Every structure is written in C-alpha cells, then in structure tokens.
Amino acid sequence: MLAKDVRLVAIESDAVVIEQGTERTRFKVASLAGLPELPSLLRR
C-alpha cells in the first residue's frame, strides 16, 4: 500500500515510478533477465 496521495505511475523493466503532487520519483530495482516487461500504467 502506498502512502496517502502517492500514486504508482509506472512499472518499468528496471524501476518503478511514483508521484506525489507534482513530484515524480523513479526507484531503480533489480531486474530479472528473461521475464516479460510489464506495461506502463500511464493513461494514454
């Protein structure tokens, strides 16, 4: 669960992106080779 007013913006192959208000933060994560890439959570 994310803190109040924090949104999960994207799950990328090597990072997750969260947003709180106008501030966007990208957290790098270890990737596992051979796994499929997850789709972006941004509305297009």
N, C-alpha and C. Protein backbone atom coordinates (compact mmCIF):
# COMPACT_ATOMS: atom_id res chain seq x y z
N MET A 1 0.85 -1.18 0.00
CA MET A 1 0.00 0.00 0.00
C MET A 1 0.89 1.24 0.00
N LEU A 2 0.51 2.21 -0.79
CA LEU A 2 1.25 3.47 -0.86
C LEU A 2 0.67 4.46 0.14
N ALA A 3 1.47 5.44 0.52
CA ALA A 3 1.03 6.48 1.44
C ALA A 3 -0.08 7.32 0.78
N LYS A 4 -0.82 8.02 1.59
CA LYS A 4 -1.90 8.87 1.10
C LYS A 4 -1.36 9.86 0.07
N ASP A 5 -2.10 10.05 -1.01
CA ASP A 5 -1.76 10.98 -2.09
C ASP A 5 -0.54 10.57 -2.91
N VAL A 6 -0.07 9.34 -2.77
CA VAL A 6 1.03 8.84 -3.59
C VAL A 6 0.45 7.88 -4.61
N ARG A 7 0.83 8.08 -5.89
CA ARG A 7 0.32 7.22 -6.96
C ARG A 7 1.46 6.45 -7.60
N LEU A 8 1.20 5.20 -7.90
CA LEU A 8 2.14 4.41 -8.68
C LEU A 8 1.90 4.78 -10.14
N VAL A 9 2.90 5.35 -10.80
CA VAL A 9 2.75 5.86 -12.15
C VAL A 9 3.15 4.82 -13.20
N ALA A 10 4.26 4.10 -12.94
CA ALA A 10 4.73 3.13 -13.93
C ALA A 10 5.55 2.05 -13.27
N ILE A 11 5.47 0.88 -13.88
CA ILE A 11 6.36 -0.22 -13.53
C ILE A 11 7.18 -0.48 -14.79
N GLU A 12 8.48 -0.22 -14.71
CA GLU A 12 9.36 -0.40 -15.85
C GLU A 12 10.22 -1.64 -15.64
N SER A 13 10.97 -2.01 -16.64
CA SER A 13 11.80 -3.22 -16.53
C SER A 13 12.87 -3.10 -15.46
N ASP A 14 13.30 -1.87 -15.15
CA ASP A 14 14.37 -1.69 -14.16
C ASP A 14 14.03 -0.69 -13.06
N ALA A 15 12.76 -0.24 -12.99
CA ALA A 15 12.40 0.77 -12.00
C ALA A 15 10.89 0.84 -11.81
N VAL A 16 10.48 1.47 -10.71
CA VAL A 16 9.08 1.85 -10.51
C VAL A 16 9.05 3.36 -10.37
N VAL A 17 7.97 3.97 -10.83
CA VAL A 17 7.84 5.42 -10.78
C VAL A 17 6.61 5.76 -9.95
N ILE A 18 6.81 6.63 -8.95
CA ILE A 18 5.69 7.08 -8.12
C ILE A 18 5.58 8.60 -8.23
N GLU A 19 4.42 9.10 -7.87
CA GLU A 19 4.15 10.53 -7.95
C GLU A 19 3.41 10.97 -6.70
N GLN A 20 3.81 12.11 -6.17
CA GLN A 20 3.09 12.72 -5.05
C GLN A 20 2.98 14.20 -5.36
N GLY A 21 1.77 14.64 -5.63
CA GLY A 21 1.57 16.02 -6.06
C GLY A 21 2.25 16.22 -7.40
N THR A 22 3.16 17.19 -7.48
CA THR A 22 3.88 17.45 -8.74
C THR A 22 5.25 16.79 -8.75
N GLU A 23 5.61 16.10 -7.70
CA GLU A 23 6.92 15.46 -7.61
C GLU A 23 6.86 14.01 -8.08
N ARG A 24 7.74 13.67 -9.01
CA ARG A 24 7.80 12.30 -9.55
C ARG A 24 9.16 11.71 -9.19
N THR A 25 9.15 10.48 -8.68
CA THR A 25 10.38 9.81 -8.26
C THR A 25 10.47 8.45 -8.92
N ARG A 26 11.67 8.13 -9.42
CA ARG A 26 11.92 6.84 -10.08
C ARG A 26 12.87 6.04 -9.19
N PHE A 27 12.43 4.85 -8.78
CA PHE A 27 13.25 3.98 -7.94
C PHE A 27 13.74 2.82 -8.79
N LYS A 28 15.07 2.70 -8.89
CA LYS A 28 15.64 1.57 -9.63
C LYS A 28 15.47 0.30 -8.83
N VAL A 29 15.16 -0.79 -9.54
CA VAL A 29 15.03 -2.10 -8.93
C VAL A 29 15.85 -3.10 -9.75
N ALA A 30 16.26 -4.16 -9.10
CA ALA A 30 17.00 -5.21 -9.81
C ALA A 30 16.05 -5.89 -10.79
N SER A 31 16.52 -6.13 -11.99
CA SER A 31 15.68 -6.81 -12.97
C SER A 31 16.10 -8.27 -13.09
N LEU A 32 15.17 -9.08 -13.51
CA LEU A 32 15.44 -10.50 -13.71
C LEU A 32 15.38 -10.79 -15.20
N ALA A 33 16.49 -11.21 -15.76
CA ALA A 33 16.57 -11.49 -17.19
C ALA A 33 15.55 -12.55 -17.59
N GLY A 34 14.96 -12.35 -18.75
CA GLY A 34 14.05 -13.35 -19.29
C GLY A 34 12.59 -13.17 -18.91
N LEU A 35 12.30 -12.26 -18.00
CA LEU A 35 10.90 -12.03 -17.62
C LEU A 35 10.27 -11.02 -18.58
N PRO A 36 8.98 -11.14 -18.86
CA PRO A 36 8.33 -10.18 -19.76
C PRO A 36 8.26 -8.81 -19.11
N GLU A 37 8.33 -7.77 -19.94
CA GLU A 37 8.22 -6.40 -19.45
C GLU A 37 6.77 -6.08 -19.14
N LEU A 38 6.51 -5.42 -18.03
CA LEU A 38 5.15 -5.05 -17.65
C LEU A 38 4.75 -3.76 -18.37
N PRO A 39 3.48 -3.59 -18.67
CA PRO A 39 3.03 -2.39 -19.38
C PRO A 39 3.06 -1.16 -18.49
N SER A 40 3.14 0.00 -19.12
CA SER A 40 3.08 1.27 -18.40
C SER A 40 1.69 1.44 -17.80
N LEU A 41 1.61 2.07 -16.65
CA LEU A 41 0.31 2.32 -16.01
C LEU A 41 -0.25 3.70 -16.37
N LEU A 42 0.48 4.46 -17.20
CA LEU A 42 0.02 5.78 -17.60
C LEU A 42 -1.15 5.65 -18.57
N ARG A 43 -2.13 6.49 -18.41
CA ARG A 43 -3.26 6.52 -19.34
C ARG A 43 -2.82 7.26 -20.59
N ARG A 44 -3.15 6.72 -21.72
CA ARG A 44 -2.75 7.36 -22.99
C ARG A 44 -3.95 7.77 -23.77
